[in-house]
Protein backbone atom coordinates (compact mmCIF):
# COMPACT_ATOMS: atom_id res chain seq x y z
CA UNK A 1 0.39 5.92 -17.08
CA UNK A 2 -0.83 9.52 -17.09
CA UNK A 3 -0.28 11.76 -14.08
CA UNK A 4 -4.04 11.74 -13.47
CA UNK A 5 -3.78 7.99 -12.80
CA UNK A 6 -1.17 8.47 -10.05
CA UNK A 7 -1.32 9.75 -6.48
CA UNK A 8 1.10 10.38 -3.61
CA UNK A 9 1.51 7.29 -1.43
CA UNK A 10 0.77 9.20 1.80
CA UNK A 11 -2.45 10.63 0.36
CA UNK A 12 -3.55 7.21 -0.90
CA UNK A 13 -2.90 5.53 2.49
CA UNK A 14 -5.07 8.21 4.11
CA UNK A 15 -7.85 7.94 1.50
CA UNK A 16 -7.86 4.13 1.72
CA UNK A 17 -8.13 4.46 5.52
CA UNK A 18 -4.91 2.65 6.40
CA UNK A 19 -3.91 5.77 8.40
CA UNK A 20 -6.15 8.18 10.32
CA UNK A 21 -4.31 11.32 9.24
CA UNK A 22 -2.12 12.41 6.36
CA UNK A 23 0.67 13.16 8.85
CA UNK A 24 0.54 9.60 10.20
CA UNK A 25 0.58 8.28 6.63
CA UNK A 26 3.65 10.37 5.80
CA UNK A 27 5.36 9.17 8.98
CA UNK A 28 4.57 5.55 8.16
CA UNK A 29 6.19 5.89 4.75
CA UNK A 30 9.16 7.89 6.06
CA UNK A 31 9.86 5.21 8.70
CA UNK A 32 10.28 2.59 5.97
CA UNK A 33 7.20 0.51 6.80
CA UNK A 34 5.91 0.62 3.22
CA UNK A 35 7.18 -1.25 0.18
CA UNK A 36 6.00 -0.43 -3.32
CA UNK A 37 6.33 -3.35 -5.74
CA UNK A 38 8.87 -4.91 -3.39
CA UNK A 39 11.05 -1.79 -3.08
CA UNK A 40 11.29 0.05 0.22
CA UNK A 41 10.00 3.61 -0.02
CA UNK A 42 10.83 6.39 2.44
CA UNK A 43 9.46 9.31 0.42
CA UNK A 44 5.83 10.20 1.24
CA UNK A 45 5.57 12.04 -2.10
CA UNK A 46 6.32 8.99 -4.22
CA UNK A 47 3.58 8.40 -6.79
CA UNK A 48 1.67 5.14 -7.04
CA UNK A 49 -1.05 4.03 -9.40
CA UNK A 50 -3.39 1.17 -10.27
CA UNK A 51 -1.59 -2.16 -10.39
CA UNK A 52 1.08 -1.30 -7.83
CA UNK A 53 1.47 -3.80 -4.98
CA UNK A 54 1.99 -2.32 -1.52
CA UNK A 55 3.39 -4.18 1.47
CA UNK A 56 2.36 -2.36 4.63
CA UNK A 57 3.78 -2.96 8.09
CA UNK A 58 0.90 -1.62 10.16
CA UNK A 59 -0.54 -2.44 13.57
CA UNK A 60 1.79 -5.30 14.40
CA UNK A 61 1.05 -7.15 11.17
CA UNK A 62 1.84 -7.07 7.49
CA UNK A 63 -0.77 -6.48 4.80
CA UNK A 64 -0.20 -6.87 1.08
CA UNK A 65 -2.61 -4.97 -1.16
CA UNK A 66 -2.89 -4.16 -4.86
CA UNK A 67 -3.95 -0.63 -5.78
CA UNK A 68 -7.07 -0.67 -7.95
CA UNK A 69 -7.95 3.05 -8.05
CA UNK A 70 -6.35 6.30 -6.94
CA UNK A 71 -9.53 7.81 -5.54
CA UNK A 72 -10.48 11.45 -5.36
CA UNK A 73 -11.52 11.88 -1.72
CA UNK A 74 -11.48 10.23 1.70
CA UNK A 75 -14.89 8.65 1.79
CA UNK A 76 -16.58 6.17 4.10
CA UNK A 77 -14.99 2.77 4.75
CA UNK A 78 -16.99 0.89 2.08
CA UNK A 79 -15.84 3.41 -0.54
CA UNK A 80 -12.24 3.21 0.70
CA UNK A 81 -12.25 -0.57 0.34
CA UNK A 82 -12.90 -0.22 -3.39
CA UNK A 83 -9.47 1.41 -3.81
CA UNK A 84 -7.57 -1.84 -3.21
CA UNK A 85 -7.72 -5.61 -3.08
CA UNK A 86 -5.99 -7.88 -0.60
CA UNK A 87 -3.29 -10.06 -2.13
CA UNK A 88 -3.02 -13.51 -0.61
CA UNK A 89 0.24 -14.19 1.18
CA UNK A 90 0.68 -17.45 -0.75
CA UNK A 91 0.98 -15.43 -3.98
CA UNK A 92 3.94 -13.50 -2.57
CA UNK A 93 5.95 -16.25 -0.92
CA UNK A 94 8.64 -17.69 -3.17
CA UNK A 95 9.02 -21.44 -3.38
CA UNK A 96 11.57 -22.39 -0.76
CA UNK A 97 13.62 -25.56 -0.94
CA UNK A 98 12.48 -28.30 1.40
CA UNK A 99 15.00 -29.09 4.08
CA UNK A 100 15.67 -32.78 4.49
CA UNK A 101 16.58 -33.98 7.94
């Protein structure tokens, strides 16, 4: 993937409107509440791109999203929603053995 197809995770969280400010986005990443493709990330400058799956611990819940576009600006909410797609929780839960009682 070319560098033009990648963006800092804190900037993307701000552009996609998961965080109100870039500082809050950086703090969210630094606190370990973001996983990129299943790996915990604590560096706000880490680059992400289309196809990456983010697990976000925000607002008392967990959201799993797939990055579709990097974006070029922080636009209105409808524009921000085009940057990602929600991934269903069932797709991310491994098959667990059934416990017999």
